[in-house]
Amino acid sequence: MKETTIKVQGMTCQHCVKAVSGALIKLPGVKDAQVNLEKGEVTVSYHDGLVNVQAMKDAIEGQGYDLG
């Protein structure tokens, strides 16, 4: 199990939390996604052989959020 933290811009409310974490949890291999609104980031626990960080970033951007 690995963990990575991704900076996400534009998250301001619980809808944002659900959108970002929901998109990540749907990816095969993602076990958990914890959003921190104050820091503007999401910490993801995942199985390295099943999903990569770029796929996670693509899923977040697919919800309309910018990274960085």
PDB file of N, CA and C in Angstrom:
ATOM      1  N   MET A   1       0.850  -1.181   0.000  1.00  0.00           N
ATOM      2  CA  MET A   1       0.000   0.000   0.000  1.00  0.00           C
ATOM      3  C   MET A   1       0.892   1.239   0.000  1.00  0.00           C
ATOM      4  N   LYS A   2       0.570   2.178  -0.877  1.00  0.00           N
ATOM      5  CA  LYS A   2       1.302   3.443  -0.954  1.00  0.00           C
ATOM      6  C   LYS A   2       0.360   4.587  -0.611  1.00  0.00           C
ATOM      7  N   GLU A   3       0.954   5.757  -0.376  1.00  0.00           N
ATOM      8  CA  GLU A   3       0.171   6.952  -0.085  1.00  0.00           C
ATOM      9  C   GLU A   3       0.805   8.129  -0.812  1.00  0.00           C
ATOM     10  N   THR A   4      -0.042   8.978  -1.377  1.00  0.00           N
ATOM     11  CA  THR A   4       0.445  10.194  -2.028  1.00  0.00           C
ATOM     12  C   THR A   4      -0.498  11.341  -1.695  1.00  0.00           C
ATOM     13  N   THR A   5       0.036  12.550  -1.715  1.00  0.00           N
ATOM     14  CA  THR A   5      -0.767  13.745  -1.472  1.00  0.00           C
ATOM     15  C   THR A   5      -0.724  14.607  -2.726  1.00  0.00           C
ATOM     16  N   ILE A   6      -1.903  15.014  -3.175  1.00  0.00           N
ATOM     17  CA  ILE A   6      -2.037  15.808  -4.398  1.00  0.00           C
ATOM     18  C   ILE A   6      -2.663  17.153  -4.039  1.00  0.00           C
ATOM     19  N   LYS A   7      -2.035  18.235  -4.469  1.00  0.00           N
ATOM     20  CA  LYS A   7      -2.585  19.581  -4.269  1.00  0.00           C
ATOM     21  C   LYS A   7      -3.714  19.808  -5.273  1.00  0.00           C
ATOM     22  N   VAL A   8      -4.845  20.320  -4.775  1.00  0.00           N
ATOM     23  CA  VAL A   8      -6.016  20.560  -5.619  1.00  0.00           C
ATOM     24  C   VAL A   8      -6.509  21.982  -5.361  1.00  0.00           C
ATOM     25  N   GLN A   9      -6.681  22.751  -6.422  1.00  0.00           N
ATOM     26  CA  GLN A   9      -7.153  24.128  -6.296  1.00  0.00           C
ATOM     27  C   GLN A   9      -8.665  24.189  -6.475  1.00  0.00           C
ATOM     28  N   GLY A  10      -9.306  25.087  -5.735  1.00  0.00           N
ATOM     29  CA  GLY A  10     -10.718  25.357  -5.951  1.00  0.00           C
ATOM     30  C   GLY A  10     -11.691  24.569  -5.097  1.00  0.00           C
ATOM     31  N   MET A  11     -11.199  23.754  -4.172  1.00  0.00           N
ATOM     32  CA  MET A  11     -12.109  23.010  -3.292  1.00  0.00           C
ATOM     33  C   MET A  11     -12.522  23.918  -2.137  1.00  0.00           C
ATOM     34  N   THR A  12     -13.839  24.076  -1.946  1.00  0.00           N
ATOM     35  CA  THR A  12     -14.303  25.011  -0.921  1.00  0.00           C
ATOM     36  C   THR A  12     -15.386  24.463   0.002  1.00  0.00           C
ATOM     37  N   CYS A  13     -15.990  23.323  -0.341  1.00  0.00           N
ATOM     38  CA  CYS A  13     -17.151  22.871   0.427  1.00  0.00           C
ATOM     39  C   CYS A  13     -17.250  21.346   0.439  1.00  0.00           C
ATOM     40  N   GLN A  14     -18.265  20.835   1.124  1.00  0.00           N
ATOM     41  CA  GLN A  14     -18.454  19.390   1.211  1.00  0.00           C
ATOM     42  C   GLN A  14     -18.782  18.768  -0.143  1.00  0.00           C
ATOM     43  N   HIS A  15     -19.416  19.522  -1.024  1.00  0.00           N
ATOM     44  CA  HIS A  15     -19.656  19.005  -2.372  1.00  0.00           C
ATOM     45  C   HIS A  15     -18.320  18.729  -3.061  1.00  0.00           C
ATOM     46  N   CYS A  16     -17.367  19.624  -2.884  1.00  0.00           N
ATOM     47  CA  CYS A  16     -16.031  19.436  -3.463  1.00  0.00           C
ATOM     48  C   CYS A  16     -15.374  18.185  -2.889  1.00  0.00           C
ATOM     49  N   VAL A  17     -15.504  18.002  -1.588  1.00  0.00           N
ATOM     50  CA  VAL A  17     -14.932  16.825  -0.927  1.00  0.00           C
ATOM     51  C   VAL A  17     -15.505  15.558  -1.540  1.00  0.00           C
ATOM     52  N   LYS A  18     -16.826  15.511  -1.678  1.00  0.00           N
ATOM     53  CA  LYS A  18     -17.483  14.322  -2.235  1.00  0.00           C
ATOM     54  C   LYS A  18     -17.110  14.103  -3.697  1.00  0.00           C
ATOM     55  N   ALA A  19     -17.014  15.177  -4.467  1.00  0.00           N
ATOM     56  CA  ALA A  19     -16.679  15.048  -5.891  1.00  0.00           C
ATOM     57  C   ALA A  19     -15.272  14.489  -6.075  1.00  0.00           C
ATOM     58  N   VAL A  20     -14.315  15.045  -5.344  1.00  0.00           N
ATOM     59  CA  VAL A  20     -12.923  14.619  -5.491  1.00  0.00           C
ATOM     60  C   VAL A  20     -12.717  13.222  -4.917  1.00  0.00           C
ATOM     61  N   SER A  21     -13.167  13.000  -3.693  1.00  0.00           N
ATOM     62  CA  SER A  21     -12.956  11.678  -3.089  1.00  0.00           C
ATOM     63  C   SER A  21     -13.742  10.608  -3.834  1.00  0.00           C
ATOM     64  N   GLY A  22     -14.941  10.932  -4.284  1.00  0.00           N
ATOM     65  CA  GLY A  22     -15.748   9.966  -5.029  1.00  0.00           C
ATOM     66  C   GLY A  22     -15.109   9.556  -6.341  1.00  0.00           C
ATOM     67  N   ALA A  23     -14.526  10.519  -7.050  1.00  0.00           N
ATOM     68  CA  ALA A  23     -13.856  10.213  -8.319  1.00  0.00           C
ATOM     69  C   ALA A  23     -12.642   9.320  -8.086  1.00  0.00           C
ATOM     70  N   LEU A  24     -11.932   9.561  -7.003  1.00  0.00           N
ATOM     71  CA  LEU A  24     -10.739   8.764  -6.710  1.00  0.00           C
ATOM     72  C   LEU A  24     -11.094   7.351  -6.260  1.00  0.00           C
ATOM     73  N   ILE A  25     -12.084   7.234  -5.395  1.00  0.00           N
ATOM     74  CA  ILE A  25     -12.477   5.920  -4.866  1.00  0.00           C
ATOM     75  C   ILE A  25     -12.950   4.992  -5.985  1.00  0.00           C
ATOM     76  N   LYS A  26     -13.491   5.555  -7.046  1.00  0.00           N
ATOM     77  CA  LYS A  26     -13.962   4.734  -8.171  1.00  0.00           C
ATOM     78  C   LYS A  26     -12.820   4.091  -8.952  1.00  0.00           C
ATOM     79  N   LEU A  27     -11.615   4.611  -8.805  1.00  0.00           N
ATOM     80  CA  LEU A  27     -10.471   4.052  -9.532  1.00  0.00           C
ATOM     81  C   LEU A  27     -10.066   2.710  -8.924  1.00  0.00           C
ATOM     82  N   PRO A  28      -9.813   1.718  -9.765  1.00  0.00           N
ATOM     83  CA  PRO A  28      -9.349   0.431  -9.243  1.00  0.00           C
ATOM     84  C   PRO A  28      -8.018   0.608  -8.513  1.00  0.00           C
ATOM     85  N   GLY A  29      -7.932   0.072  -7.319  1.00  0.00           N
ATOM     86  CA  GLY A  29      -6.693   0.154  -6.555  1.00  0.00           C
ATOM     87  C   GLY A  29      -6.660   1.257  -5.522  1.00  0.00           C
ATOM     88  N   VAL A  30      -7.578   2.222  -5.598  1.00  0.00           N
ATOM     89  CA  VAL A  30      -7.619   3.281  -4.591  1.00  0.00           C
ATOM     90  C   VAL A  30      -8.409   2.771  -3.392  1.00  0.00           C
ATOM     91  N   LYS A  31      -7.766   2.778  -2.232  1.00  0.00           N
ATOM     92  CA  LYS A  31      -8.400   2.285  -1.010  1.00  0.00           C
ATOM     93  C   LYS A  31      -9.086   3.409  -0.242  1.00  0.00           C
ATOM     94  N   ASP A  32      -8.456   4.598  -0.212  1.00  0.00           N
ATOM     95  CA  ASP A  32      -9.004   5.693   0.583  1.00  0.00           C
ATOM     96  C   ASP A  32      -8.546   7.028   0.001  1.00  0.00           C
ATOM     97  N   ALA A  33      -9.389   8.051   0.152  1.00  0.00           N
ATOM     98  CA  ALA A  33      -9.048   9.407  -0.282  1.00  0.00           C
ATOM     99  C   ALA A  33      -9.559  10.383   0.772  1.00  0.00           C
ATOM    100  N   GLN A  34      -8.646  11.068   1.431  1.00  0.00           N
ATOM    101  CA  GLN A  34      -8.984  12.019   2.484  1.00  0.00           C
ATOM    102  C   GLN A  34      -8.687  13.440   2.011  1.00  0.00           C
ATOM    103  N   VAL A  35      -9.739  14.250   1.901  1.00  0.00           N
ATOM    104  CA  VAL A  35      -9.604  15.632   1.433  1.00  0.00           C
ATOM    105  C   VAL A  35      -9.422  16.566   2.624  1.00  0.00           C
ATOM    106  N   ASN A  36      -8.466  17.478   2.513  1.00  0.00           N
ATOM    107  CA  ASN A  36      -8.253  18.518   3.508  1.00  0.00           C
ATOM    108  C   ASN A  36      -8.528  19.855   2.824  1.00  0.00           C
ATOM    109  N   LEU A  37      -9.693  20.434   3.115  1.00  0.00           N
ATOM    110  CA  LEU A  37     -10.077  21.696   2.473  1.00  0.00           C
ATOM    111  C   LEU A  37      -9.143  22.839   2.853  1.00  0.00           C
ATOM    112  N   GLU A  38      -8.732  22.900   4.122  1.00  0.00           N
ATOM    113  CA  GLU A  38      -7.878  23.993   4.581  1.00  0.00           C
ATOM    114  C   GLU A  38      -6.542  24.014   3.848  1.00  0.00           C
ATOM    115  N   LYS A  39      -5.965  22.848   3.628  1.00  0.00           N
ATOM    116  CA  LYS A  39      -4.672  22.762   2.945  1.00  0.00           C
ATOM    117  C   LYS A  39      -4.816  22.688   1.428  1.00  0.00           C
ATOM    118  N   GLY A  40      -6.031  22.415   0.948  1.00  0.00           N
ATOM    119  CA  GLY A  40      -6.243  22.290  -0.492  1.00  0.00           C
ATOM    120  C   GLY A  40      -5.539  21.084  -1.070  1.00  0.00           C
ATOM    121  N   GLU A  41      -5.719  19.943  -0.396  1.00  0.00           N
ATOM    122  CA  GLU A  41      -5.051  18.736  -0.863  1.00  0.00           C
ATOM    123  C   GLU A  41      -5.867  17.493  -0.542  1.00  0.00           C
ATOM    124  N   VAL A  42      -5.528  16.424  -1.231  1.00  0.00           N
ATOM    125  CA  VAL A  42      -6.151  15.131  -0.981  1.00  0.00           C
ATOM    126  C   VAL A  42      -5.034  14.105  -0.810  1.00  0.00           C
ATOM    127  N   THR A  43      -5.164  13.287   0.233  1.00  0.00           N
ATOM    128  CA  THR A  43      -4.202  12.220   0.490  1.00  0.00           C
ATOM    129  C   THR A  43      -4.859  10.907   0.106  1.00  0.00           C
ATOM    130  N   VAL A  44      -4.187  10.164  -0.762  1.00  0.00           N
ATOM    131  CA  VAL A  44      -4.756   8.948  -1.337  1.00  0.00           C
ATOM    132  C   VAL A  44      -3.927   7.736  -0.933  1.00  0.00           C
ATOM    133  N   SER A  45      -4.603   6.706  -0.423  1.00  0.00           N
ATOM    134  CA  SER A  45      -3.975   5.413  -0.153  1.00  0.00           C
ATOM    135  C   SER A  45      -4.355   4.487  -1.298  1.00  0.00           C
ATOM    136  N   TYR A  46      -3.353   3.800  -1.865  1.00  0.00           N
ATOM    137  CA  TYR A  46      -3.626   3.011  -3.066  1.00  0.00           C
ATOM    138  C   TYR A  46      -2.653   1.845  -3.221  1.00  0.00           C
ATOM    139  N   HIS A  47      -3.051   0.888  -4.052  1.00  0.00           N
ATOM    140  CA  HIS A  47      -2.209  -0.247  -4.418  1.00  0.00           C
ATOM    141  C   HIS A  47      -1.453   0.142  -5.690  1.00  0.00           C
ATOM    142  N   ASP A  48      -0.143   0.227  -5.584  1.00  0.00           N
ATOM    143  CA  ASP A  48       0.701   0.731  -6.668  1.00  0.00           C
ATOM    144  C   ASP A  48       0.556  -0.039  -7.978  1.00  0.00           C
ATOM    145  N   GLY A  49       0.344  -1.323  -7.924  1.00  0.00           N
ATOM    146  CA  GLY A  49       0.256  -2.111  -9.146  1.00  0.00           C
ATOM    147  C   GLY A  49      -1.048  -1.950  -9.900  1.00  0.00           C
ATOM    148  N   LEU A  50      -2.048  -1.329  -9.266  1.00  0.00           N
ATOM    149  CA  LEU A  50      -3.375  -1.229  -9.874  1.00  0.00           C
ATOM    150  C   LEU A  50      -3.713   0.162 -10.407  1.00  0.00           C
ATOM    151  N   VAL A  51      -3.069   1.194  -9.879  1.00  0.00           N
ATOM    152  CA  VAL A  51      -3.387   2.567 -10.278  1.00  0.00           C
ATOM    153  C   VAL A  51      -2.126   3.411 -10.119  1.00  0.00           C
ATOM    154  N   ASN A  52      -2.016   4.467 -10.927  1.00  0.00           N
ATOM    155  CA  ASN A  52      -0.864   5.358 -10.780  1.00  0.00           C
ATOM    156  C   ASN A  52      -1.333   6.778 -10.473  1.00  0.00           C
ATOM    157  N   VAL A  53      -0.390   7.609 -10.076  1.00  0.00           N
ATOM    158  CA  VAL A  53      -0.714   8.975  -9.660  1.00  0.00           C
ATOM    159  C   VAL A  53      -1.318   9.775 -10.811  1.00  0.00           C
ATOM    160  N   GLN A  54      -0.851   9.562 -12.031  1.00  0.00           N
ATOM    161  CA  GLN A  54      -1.404  10.307 -13.167  1.00  0.00           C
ATOM    162  C   GLN A  54      -2.885  10.005 -13.356  1.00  0.00           C
ATOM    163  N   ALA A  55      -3.297   8.766 -13.165  1.00  0.00           N
ATOM    164  CA  ALA A  55      -4.717   8.411 -13.275  1.00  0.00           C
ATOM    165  C   ALA A  55      -5.530   9.137 -12.211  1.00  0.00           C
ATOM    166  N   MET A  56      -4.957   9.288 -11.020  1.00  0.00           N
ATOM    167  CA  MET A  56      -5.640  10.019  -9.944  1.00  0.00           C
ATOM    168  C   MET A  56      -5.789  11.489 -10.321  1.00  0.00           C
ATOM    169  N   LYS A  57      -4.714  12.070 -10.837  1.00  0.00           N
ATOM    170  CA  LYS A  57      -4.761  13.474 -11.252  1.00  0.00           C
ATOM    171  C   LYS A  57      -5.786  13.678 -12.363  1.00  0.00           C
ATOM    172  N   ASP A  58      -5.833  12.761 -13.303  1.00  0.00           N
ATOM    173  CA  ASP A  58      -6.812  12.845 -14.391  1.00  0.00           C
ATOM    174  C   ASP A  58      -8.238  12.787 -13.848  1.00  0.00           C
ATOM    175  N   ALA A  59      -8.475  11.934 -12.851  1.00  0.00           N
ATOM    176  CA  ALA A  59      -9.808  11.808 -12.254  1.00  0.00           C
ATOM    177  C   ALA A  59     -10.217  13.106 -11.563  1.00  0.00           C
ATOM    178  N   ILE A  60      -9.278  13.742 -10.878  1.00  0.00           N
ATOM    179  CA  ILE A  60      -9.563  15.009 -10.197  1.00  0.00           C
ATOM    180  C   ILE A  60      -9.861  16.102 -11.221  1.00  0.00           C
ATOM    181  N   GLU A  61      -9.032  16.192 -12.245  1.00  0.00           N
ATOM    182  CA  GLU A  61      -9.254  17.195 -13.293  1.00  0.00           C
ATOM    183  C   GLU A  61     -10.568  16.937 -14.023  1.00  0.00           C
ATOM    184  N   GLY A  62     -10.957  15.688 -14.128  1.00  0.00           N
ATOM    185  CA  GLY A  62     -12.224  15.329 -14.754  1.00  0.00           C
ATOM    186  C   GLY A  62     -13.435  15.846 -13.991  1.00  0.00           C
ATOM    187  N   GLN A  63     -13.234  16.161 -12.721  1.00  0.00           N
ATOM    188  CA  GLN A  63     -14.302  16.743 -11.904  1.00  0.00           C
ATOM    189  C   GLN A  63     -14.304  18.271 -11.984  1.00  0.00           C
ATOM    190  N   GLY A  64     -13.370  18.832 -12.759  1.00  0.00           N
ATOM    191  CA  GLY A  64     -13.342  20.282 -12.965  1.00  0.00           C
ATOM    192  C   GLY A  64     -12.394  21.044 -12.061  1.00  0.00           C
ATOM    193  N   TYR A  65     -11.510  20.342 -11.371  1.00  0.00           N
ATOM    194  CA  TYR A  65     -10.567  21.002 -10.465  1.00  0.00           C
ATOM    195  C   TYR A  65      -9.187  21.083 -11.103  1.00  0.00           C
ATOM    196  N   ASP A  66      -8.457  22.131 -10.736  1.00  0.00           N
ATOM    197  CA  ASP A  66      -7.085  22.300 -11.199  1.00  0.00           C
ATOM    198  C   ASP A  66      -6.127  21.756 -10.151  1.00  0.00           C
ATOM    199  N   LEU A  67      -5.002  21.273 -10.603  1.00  0.00           N
ATOM    200  CA  LEU A  67      -3.983  20.748  -9.701  1.00  0.00           C
ATOM    201  C   LEU A  67      -2.915  21.797  -9.474  1.00  0.00           C
ATOM    202  N   GLY A  68      -2.211  21.643  -8.350  1.00  0.00           N
ATOM    203  CA  GLY A  68      -1.079  22.542  -8.137  1.00  0.00           C
ATOM    204  C   GLY A  68      -1.018  23.169  -6.854  1.00  0.00           C
TER     205      GLY A  68
END
